[in-house]
N, C-alpha and C. Protein backbone atom coordinates (compact mmCIF):
# COMPACT_ATOMS: atom_id res chain seq x y z
N MET A 1 0.81 -1.19 0.00
CA MET A 1 0.00 0.00 0.00
C MET A 1 0.85 1.26 0.00
N ALA A 2 2.05 1.18 0.57
CA ALA A 2 2.93 2.34 0.61
C ALA A 2 3.29 2.82 -0.79
N ASN A 3 3.50 1.88 -1.73
CA ASN A 3 3.80 2.27 -3.10
C ASN A 3 2.65 3.02 -3.73
N THR A 4 1.43 2.61 -3.44
CA THR A 4 0.25 3.29 -3.98
C THR A 4 0.16 4.70 -3.44
N VAL A 5 0.38 4.87 -2.16
CA VAL A 5 0.33 6.20 -1.57
C VAL A 5 1.44 7.06 -2.17
N SER A 6 2.63 6.54 -2.29
CA SER A 6 3.74 7.30 -2.86
C SER A 6 3.44 7.68 -4.31
N PHE A 7 2.85 6.76 -5.06
CA PHE A 7 2.51 7.04 -6.45
C PHE A 7 1.45 8.14 -6.51
N MET A 8 0.43 8.03 -5.70
CA MET A 8 -0.64 9.03 -5.69
C MET A 8 -0.10 10.40 -5.26
N GLU A 9 0.80 10.41 -4.30
CA GLU A 9 1.41 11.67 -3.88
C GLU A 9 2.23 12.27 -5.01
N ALA A 10 2.96 11.43 -5.73
CA ALA A 10 3.76 11.91 -6.86
C ALA A 10 2.87 12.49 -7.95
N ILE A 11 1.77 11.83 -8.24
CA ILE A 11 0.83 12.33 -9.25
C ILE A 11 0.26 13.67 -8.82
N THR A 12 -0.10 13.78 -7.55
CA THR A 12 -0.65 15.03 -7.03
C THR A 12 0.37 16.15 -7.13
N ILE A 13 1.61 15.87 -6.79
CA ILE A 13 2.67 16.87 -6.88
C ILE A 13 2.89 17.27 -8.33
N LEU A 14 2.93 16.29 -9.22
CA LEU A 14 3.12 16.58 -10.65
C LEU A 14 1.99 17.45 -11.17
N ARG A 15 0.75 17.07 -10.88
CA ARG A 15 -0.40 17.83 -11.34
C ARG A 15 -0.36 19.26 -10.79
N THR A 16 -0.08 19.40 -9.51
CA THR A 16 -0.02 20.73 -8.90
C THR A 16 1.05 21.59 -9.57
N ASN A 17 2.22 21.01 -9.80
CA ASN A 17 3.30 21.77 -10.43
C ASN A 17 2.96 22.16 -11.86
N ILE A 18 2.33 21.26 -12.60
CA ILE A 18 1.94 21.58 -13.97
C ILE A 18 0.92 22.71 -13.98
N MET A 19 -0.05 22.63 -13.09
CA MET A 19 -1.12 23.63 -13.07
C MET A 19 -0.65 24.97 -12.50
N ASP A 20 0.36 24.97 -11.64
CA ASP A 20 0.82 26.20 -10.99
C ASP A 20 1.96 26.89 -11.71
N ASN A 21 2.61 26.19 -12.63
CA ASN A 21 3.79 26.76 -13.28
C ASN A 21 3.57 26.78 -14.79
N GLN A 22 3.41 27.97 -15.34
CA GLN A 22 3.12 28.12 -16.77
C GLN A 22 4.24 27.55 -17.64
N ASP A 23 5.50 27.67 -17.21
CA ASP A 23 6.61 27.13 -17.99
C ASP A 23 6.55 25.60 -18.07
N ILE A 24 6.25 24.95 -16.96
CA ILE A 24 6.13 23.49 -16.96
C ILE A 24 4.95 23.07 -17.83
N TYR A 25 3.83 23.76 -17.68
CA TYR A 25 2.64 23.47 -18.48
C TYR A 25 2.96 23.61 -19.97
N ASN A 26 3.58 24.71 -20.34
CA ASN A 26 3.93 24.94 -21.75
C ASN A 26 4.94 23.91 -22.24
N GLY A 27 5.84 23.47 -21.36
CA GLY A 27 6.80 22.43 -21.74
C GLY A 27 6.12 21.12 -22.06
N PHE A 28 5.12 20.75 -21.28
CA PHE A 28 4.37 19.53 -21.58
C PHE A 28 3.61 19.67 -22.89
N ILE A 29 3.00 20.81 -23.12
CA ILE A 29 2.29 21.06 -24.38
C ILE A 29 3.26 20.94 -25.56
N ALA A 30 4.42 21.56 -25.46
CA ALA A 30 5.41 21.51 -26.53
C ALA A 30 5.89 20.08 -26.78
N SER A 31 6.06 19.32 -25.71
CA SER A 31 6.50 17.94 -25.83
C SER A 31 5.46 17.10 -26.55
N ILE A 32 4.19 17.28 -26.19
CA ILE A 32 3.12 16.53 -26.84
C ILE A 32 3.00 16.95 -28.30
N GLU A 33 3.07 18.24 -28.58
CA GLU A 33 3.00 18.72 -29.97
C GLU A 33 4.12 18.15 -30.83
N SER A 34 5.33 18.11 -30.28
CA SER A 34 6.44 17.58 -31.08
C SER A 34 6.28 16.09 -31.33
N ALA A 35 5.74 15.36 -30.37
CA ALA A 35 5.49 13.93 -30.59
C ALA A 35 4.45 13.73 -31.68
N ILE A 36 3.41 14.56 -31.67
CA ILE A 36 2.38 14.47 -32.71
C ILE A 36 2.96 14.82 -34.06
N ASN A 37 3.72 15.90 -34.13
CA ASN A 37 4.29 16.33 -35.41
C ASN A 37 5.24 15.30 -36.00
N GLU A 38 6.03 14.66 -35.16
CA GLU A 38 6.97 13.65 -35.65
C GLU A 38 6.24 12.39 -36.11
N ALA A 39 5.08 12.12 -35.56
CA ALA A 39 4.37 10.88 -35.83
C ALA A 39 3.45 10.95 -37.04
N LYS A 40 2.96 12.11 -37.37
CA LYS A 40 1.94 12.18 -38.42
C LYS A 40 2.58 12.16 -39.79
N PRO A 41 1.90 11.84 -40.83
CA PRO A 41 0.50 11.42 -40.88
C PRO A 41 0.34 9.91 -40.96
N TYR A 42 1.41 9.17 -40.78
CA TYR A 42 1.37 7.73 -41.07
C TYR A 42 1.29 6.85 -39.83
N THR A 43 1.00 7.42 -38.67
CA THR A 43 1.01 6.67 -37.43
C THR A 43 -0.41 6.33 -36.99
N LYS A 44 -0.61 5.08 -36.59
CA LYS A 44 -1.91 4.67 -36.05
C LYS A 44 -2.10 5.29 -34.67
N GLU A 45 -3.36 5.38 -34.23
CA GLU A 45 -3.67 6.05 -32.97
C GLU A 45 -2.91 5.44 -31.79
N HIS A 46 -2.83 4.11 -31.73
CA HIS A 46 -2.14 3.48 -30.61
C HIS A 46 -0.66 3.88 -30.60
N ASN A 47 -0.04 3.85 -31.76
CA ASN A 47 1.38 4.21 -31.83
C ASN A 47 1.59 5.69 -31.49
N LEU A 48 0.65 6.52 -31.87
CA LEU A 48 0.73 7.94 -31.51
C LEU A 48 0.62 8.11 -30.01
N ALA A 49 -0.31 7.39 -29.39
CA ALA A 49 -0.47 7.46 -27.94
C ALA A 49 0.81 7.01 -27.24
N VAL A 50 1.43 5.96 -27.72
CA VAL A 50 2.69 5.48 -27.14
C VAL A 50 3.77 6.55 -27.31
N ALA A 51 3.86 7.15 -28.48
CA ALA A 51 4.86 8.19 -28.73
C ALA A 51 4.67 9.38 -27.80
N ILE A 52 3.41 9.77 -27.59
CA ILE A 52 3.14 10.90 -26.70
C ILE A 52 3.52 10.56 -25.26
N LEU A 53 3.08 9.39 -24.78
CA LEU A 53 3.42 9.02 -23.41
C LEU A 53 4.93 8.90 -23.23
N ASN A 54 5.61 8.28 -24.19
CA ASN A 54 7.06 8.16 -24.10
C ASN A 54 7.72 9.53 -24.02
N ARG A 55 7.25 10.47 -24.82
CA ARG A 55 7.81 11.82 -24.80
C ARG A 55 7.56 12.49 -23.46
N VAL A 56 6.35 12.36 -22.94
CA VAL A 56 6.00 13.01 -21.68
C VAL A 56 6.83 12.47 -20.53
N VAL A 57 7.07 11.16 -20.50
CA VAL A 57 7.84 10.58 -19.39
C VAL A 57 9.34 10.58 -19.66
N GLY A 58 9.76 11.07 -20.81
CA GLY A 58 11.18 11.26 -21.07
C GLY A 58 11.89 10.09 -21.73
N ILE A 59 11.15 9.18 -22.33
CA ILE A 59 11.79 8.09 -23.06
C ILE A 59 12.14 8.61 -24.46
N GLU A 60 13.41 8.58 -24.78
CA GLU A 60 13.89 9.10 -26.07
C GLU A 60 13.62 8.12 -27.19
N ARG A 61 13.60 8.63 -28.41
CA ARG A 61 13.44 7.75 -29.59
C ARG A 61 14.55 6.72 -29.59
N GLY A 62 14.18 5.50 -29.85
CA GLY A 62 15.15 4.42 -29.88
C GLY A 62 15.36 3.73 -28.54
N GLU A 63 14.94 4.39 -27.44
CA GLU A 63 15.02 3.77 -26.13
C GLU A 63 13.89 2.76 -25.98
N GLN A 64 14.09 1.78 -25.15
CA GLN A 64 13.09 0.74 -24.93
C GLN A 64 11.97 1.28 -24.05
N SER A 65 10.74 1.12 -24.51
CA SER A 65 9.58 1.42 -23.66
C SER A 65 8.89 0.11 -23.33
N LEU A 66 7.83 0.17 -22.55
CA LEU A 66 7.14 -1.06 -22.15
C LEU A 66 6.51 -1.75 -23.31
């Protein structure tokens, strides 16, 4: 249960920081936009979703994701 609490606390901190800091918010938007731009127009929705999540969590192109 401790891992769940720690995870939920981390999510809350992340959300608060994104919502309270315009630079962080804009950075996430820019990261998502660049993932979309690199993926289109030949990427299926699932692959686009994976590319966006990988970009948001910092997994670089060519790195192993789940």
